[in-house]
């Protein structure tokens, strides 16, 4: 008996019973308030007025038409890639390769932008859209094939593919796609006007594509047979097999779609914002998308809201840097503090700590 007591840990983490929706909402609101307070303390330690800093973040994102357009521009690839990883995460397939899938989609779309820019504009845009989706989808299909055939670890596999995609861009930039007119540092030529996405309300039309994808994926995951199959496989593969579902086919199909959506983000970024292909076409968006997707509980509608808030924070932080002379590191720390509290809240919503009582009972 004493041996059994000694083996029991002092503190254990246990899964909580599902909390009422109202209580969950209150906890999340409290976490946001605590994040703002903690961020304010950090700002005070730097010698600045927290109210001024927070006010500048909000005003920086909305102070003018150009500021709003810049905020939406930041939001576009983040929203689309967050929707992409959501498809895989719903299936419990840990797709950490959104960065690589974004790059792969951008590469394939850029081929047509560079070498077929004499086509009819709308035909070219349509082909680049399909190319971006196919490029990202095929890049996402590689780890899925290895998973179903050899049961490889998809987390490591998708992560490593990010770097391979990045090196492909470097190879193209320094080799076959190098701009002959580049001086000093090699680069890929800027796309012609015919290969650029059109602007709607002063912003590249990627925001329309993003909103359409929100609606399409919400319907797909919630109301279609394939969306239901994704949920079942995510909950339990043995249950899916018992229900005579082809689990391998579902994994392959879903990962192709996940990569395809991320590839669309790459196409939109390259042809709508960067107007060329660079190694920064993903720019870390694929990793931020993972946080956004989980914060939004893998709900496409909520993902749109969270992506917008992240974009406001990023745009506002850049204005704070220029207005107050804060380094980029300070802005990153402030964002990290807010994320720490919000993500920590999600942990305490689902789990709790149990302390071993005297005598071994807990």
Foldseek 3Di string as FASTA:
>chain_A
DVVVLVPDDQKDKDWDDADDPVVLVVLLVVLLVVLLVVLQVVVVVVVDHSVVLVVLLQCLCPVDLVSVQQLVQQLLLLLLLLLLQLLCVLLVQRQLQLLLLLLQLLVQLQVCLVPVLVDQLVVSQVVSLVSLLQRQLVLLLVLLVCCVPVVDRRVVVSVVSNVVSLVVQVCCQVPVQWDPPDDDDTGGDFGDPSQAADDDSNARCSSVVSVVSLVVSLCVLPPDPLNVLSNVSNVPVVVSVVVVHPSSVSSSVSSSNSRSSSSSSSSCQCRYPVSHRDSCSCVCSNVVSVLLCVLQVSRSVSSSVSSSVVSSLVSSLVSSCVPVVDDPVSSVVSVVSSSVSSVVSVSVSTMDMDGQDPPSHD
